[in-house]
Amino acid sequence: MKKNGTVHNEQIMTLREVAKYLGLHVMTVYKLTREGRVPAAKIGGQWRFKRDVLDEWLETQMNRHSA
């Protein structure tokens, strides 16, 4: 799906948005992110996530645990 000429999946997400997207508590996502277990970047003191990178990471995690 396109939005303003860019692919919608490339949107930048906040910690709260990622928690809702993954169905996890905000503090759980925060802890995993701080530990480097979830792909993210700290920008201006706040964590940001790219949805497409998060989706790829999630797919890898699911494949790793189902093998």
N, C-alpha and C. Protein backbone atom coordinates (compact mmCIF):
# COMPACT_ATOMS: atom_id res chain seq x y z
N MET A 1 0.85 -1.17 0.00
CA MET A 1 0.00 0.00 0.00
C MET A 1 0.89 1.23 0.00
N LYS A 2 0.60 2.21 -0.87
CA LYS A 2 1.42 3.40 -0.96
C LYS A 2 0.77 4.57 -0.24
N LYS A 3 1.63 5.37 0.36
CA LYS A 3 1.17 6.57 1.06
C LYS A 3 2.18 7.66 0.77
N ASN A 4 1.75 8.72 0.11
CA ASN A 4 2.64 9.83 -0.25
C ASN A 4 3.85 9.36 -1.05
N GLY A 5 3.67 8.41 -1.95
CA GLY A 5 4.74 7.96 -2.81
C GLY A 5 5.71 6.98 -2.18
N THR A 6 5.51 6.59 -0.92
CA THR A 6 6.39 5.63 -0.28
C THR A 6 5.59 4.40 0.12
N VAL A 7 6.27 3.31 0.26
CA VAL A 7 5.61 2.08 0.68
C VAL A 7 5.22 2.21 2.14
N HIS A 8 3.97 1.90 2.46
CA HIS A 8 3.44 2.07 3.81
C HIS A 8 4.24 1.28 4.85
N ASN A 9 4.77 0.10 4.49
CA ASN A 9 5.51 -0.74 5.44
C ASN A 9 6.82 -0.12 5.90
N GLU A 10 7.28 0.95 5.24
CA GLU A 10 8.55 1.56 5.61
C GLU A 10 8.38 2.64 6.66
N GLN A 11 7.20 2.74 7.24
CA GLN A 11 6.96 3.81 8.20
C GLN A 11 7.77 3.62 9.48
N ILE A 12 8.06 4.74 10.12
CA ILE A 12 8.78 4.74 11.38
C ILE A 12 7.75 4.62 12.51
N MET A 13 8.05 3.75 13.47
CA MET A 13 7.12 3.49 14.57
C MET A 13 7.74 3.87 15.90
N THR A 14 6.90 4.25 16.85
CA THR A 14 7.33 4.55 18.21
C THR A 14 7.32 3.27 19.04
N LEU A 15 7.85 3.37 20.24
CA LEU A 15 7.86 2.24 21.16
C LEU A 15 6.44 1.75 21.44
N ARG A 16 5.54 2.68 21.69
CA ARG A 16 4.14 2.31 21.97
C ARG A 16 3.48 1.63 20.78
N GLU A 17 3.74 2.14 19.58
CA GLU A 17 3.17 1.54 18.37
C GLU A 17 3.68 0.12 18.16
N VAL A 18 4.98 -0.09 18.42
CA VAL A 18 5.56 -1.43 18.28
C VAL A 18 4.97 -2.38 19.31
N ALA A 19 4.81 -1.91 20.53
CA ALA A 19 4.21 -2.75 21.58
C ALA A 19 2.81 -3.18 21.17
N LYS A 20 2.02 -2.26 20.66
CA LYS A 20 0.67 -2.59 20.22
C LYS A 20 0.71 -3.54 19.02
N TYR A 21 1.60 -3.27 18.07
CA TYR A 21 1.75 -4.09 16.87
C TYR A 21 2.13 -5.53 17.22
N LEU A 22 3.02 -5.70 18.20
CA LEU A 22 3.47 -7.04 18.59
C LEU A 22 2.59 -7.68 19.67
N GLY A 23 1.69 -6.90 20.24
CA GLY A 23 0.82 -7.42 21.29
C GLY A 23 1.57 -7.63 22.60
N LEU A 24 2.54 -6.75 22.86
CA LEU A 24 3.35 -6.85 24.07
C LEU A 24 3.20 -5.58 24.89
N HIS A 25 3.57 -5.66 26.17
CA HIS A 25 3.58 -4.49 27.04
C HIS A 25 4.71 -3.57 26.60
N VAL A 26 4.50 -2.28 26.74
CA VAL A 26 5.51 -1.28 26.35
C VAL A 26 6.84 -1.54 27.05
N MET A 27 6.81 -1.87 28.34
CA MET A 27 8.06 -2.10 29.07
C MET A 27 8.79 -3.35 28.58
N THR A 28 8.06 -4.34 28.10
CA THR A 28 8.69 -5.54 27.54
C THR A 28 9.46 -5.18 26.27
N VAL A 29 8.83 -4.41 25.40
CA VAL A 29 9.49 -3.98 24.16
C VAL A 29 10.69 -3.09 24.50
N TYR A 30 10.54 -2.21 25.48
CA TYR A 30 11.63 -1.33 25.89
C TYR A 30 12.83 -2.14 26.37
N LYS A 31 12.58 -3.13 27.21
CA LYS A 31 13.65 -3.97 27.74
C LYS A 31 14.35 -4.74 26.61
N LEU A 32 13.58 -5.36 25.74
CA LEU A 32 14.16 -6.11 24.62
C LEU A 32 14.97 -5.20 23.70
N THR A 33 14.48 -3.99 23.51
CA THR A 33 15.17 -3.03 22.65
C THR A 33 16.49 -2.60 23.28
N ARG A 34 16.47 -2.26 24.56
CA ARG A 34 17.69 -1.88 25.27
C ARG A 34 18.73 -2.98 25.23
N GLU A 35 18.28 -4.23 25.28
CA GLU A 35 19.19 -5.38 25.25
C GLU A 35 19.68 -5.68 23.83
N GLY A 36 19.19 -4.96 22.84
CA GLY A 36 19.60 -5.17 21.46
C GLY A 36 18.92 -6.36 20.80
N ARG A 37 17.83 -6.83 21.39
CA ARG A 37 17.15 -8.01 20.87
C ARG A 37 16.07 -7.67 19.85
N VAL A 38 15.74 -6.38 19.74
CA VAL A 38 14.76 -5.90 18.75
C VAL A 38 15.47 -4.81 17.95
N PRO A 39 15.39 -4.85 16.61
CA PRO A 39 16.08 -3.84 15.80
C PRO A 39 15.45 -2.46 15.95
N ALA A 40 16.27 -1.49 16.36
CA ALA A 40 15.78 -0.13 16.59
C ALA A 40 16.95 0.84 16.55
N ALA A 41 16.61 2.12 16.49
CA ALA A 41 17.61 3.18 16.56
C ALA A 41 17.13 4.21 17.57
N LYS A 42 18.08 4.72 18.35
CA LYS A 42 17.73 5.76 19.31
C LYS A 42 18.01 7.10 18.64
N ILE A 43 16.95 7.89 18.48
CA ILE A 43 17.04 9.18 17.80
C ILE A 43 16.49 10.24 18.74
N GLY A 44 17.32 11.21 19.05
CA GLY A 44 16.88 12.28 19.95
C GLY A 44 16.45 11.77 21.31
N GLY A 45 17.08 10.69 21.76
CA GLY A 45 16.76 10.13 23.07
C GLY A 45 15.54 9.23 23.09
N GLN A 46 14.95 8.97 21.92
CA GLN A 46 13.77 8.11 21.86
C GLN A 46 14.00 6.99 20.85
N TRP A 47 13.47 5.81 21.17
CA TRP A 47 13.61 4.65 20.29
C TRP A 47 12.66 4.78 19.11
N ARG A 48 13.17 4.44 17.91
CA ARG A 48 12.35 4.41 16.70
C ARG A 48 12.62 3.10 15.98
N PHE A 49 11.58 2.62 15.29
CA PHE A 49 11.61 1.32 14.64
C PHE A 49 11.08 1.48 13.22
N LYS A 50 11.69 0.80 12.26
CA LYS A 50 11.16 0.76 10.90
C LYS A 50 10.29 -0.48 10.78
N ARG A 51 9.08 -0.29 10.33
CA ARG A 51 8.14 -1.41 10.27
C ARG A 51 8.66 -2.54 9.39
N ASP A 52 9.24 -2.23 8.23
CA ASP A 52 9.72 -3.29 7.35
C ASP A 52 10.86 -4.08 7.98
N VAL A 53 11.76 -3.40 8.71
CA VAL A 53 12.86 -4.09 9.39
C VAL A 53 12.30 -4.96 10.52
N LEU A 54 11.33 -4.43 11.23
CA LEU A 54 10.69 -5.17 12.31
C LEU A 54 10.00 -6.43 11.78
N ASP A 55 9.32 -6.30 10.64
CA ASP A 55 8.65 -7.45 10.03
C ASP A 55 9.65 -8.53 9.61
N GLU A 56 10.78 -8.12 9.04
CA GLU A 56 11.82 -9.08 8.65
C GLU A 56 12.38 -9.78 9.88
N TRP A 57 12.64 -9.01 10.94
CA TRP A 57 13.16 -9.57 12.19
C TRP A 57 12.16 -10.58 12.76
N LEU A 58 10.90 -10.22 12.77
CA LEU A 58 9.86 -11.10 13.30
C LEU A 58 9.78 -12.40 12.51
N GLU A 59 9.85 -12.29 11.20
CA GLU A 59 9.83 -13.48 10.33
C GLU A 59 11.01 -14.39 10.65
N THR A 60 12.19 -13.81 10.82
CA THR A 60 13.38 -14.59 11.18
C THR A 60 13.19 -15.28 12.52
N GLN A 61 12.67 -14.55 13.49
CA GLN A 61 12.44 -15.13 14.82
C GLN A 61 11.47 -16.31 14.74
N MET A 62 10.42 -16.14 13.96
CA MET A 62 9.42 -17.20 13.84
C MET A 62 9.99 -18.43 13.15
N ASN A 63 10.81 -18.21 12.11
CA ASN A 63 11.43 -19.33 11.40
C ASN A 63 12.46 -20.04 12.27
N ARG A 64 13.20 -19.28 13.07
CA ARG A 64 14.22 -19.85 13.93
C ARG A 64 13.60 -20.77 14.98
N HIS A 65 12.46 -20.38 15.52
CA HIS A 65 11.84 -21.14 16.59
C HIS A 65 10.94 -22.27 16.10
N SER A 66 10.64 -22.28 14.80
CA SER A 66 9.81 -23.37 14.27
C SER A 66 10.65 -24.48 13.66
N ALA A 67 11.94 -24.23 13.51
CA ALA A 67 12.83 -25.25 12.88
C ALA A 67 13.30 -26.27 13.87
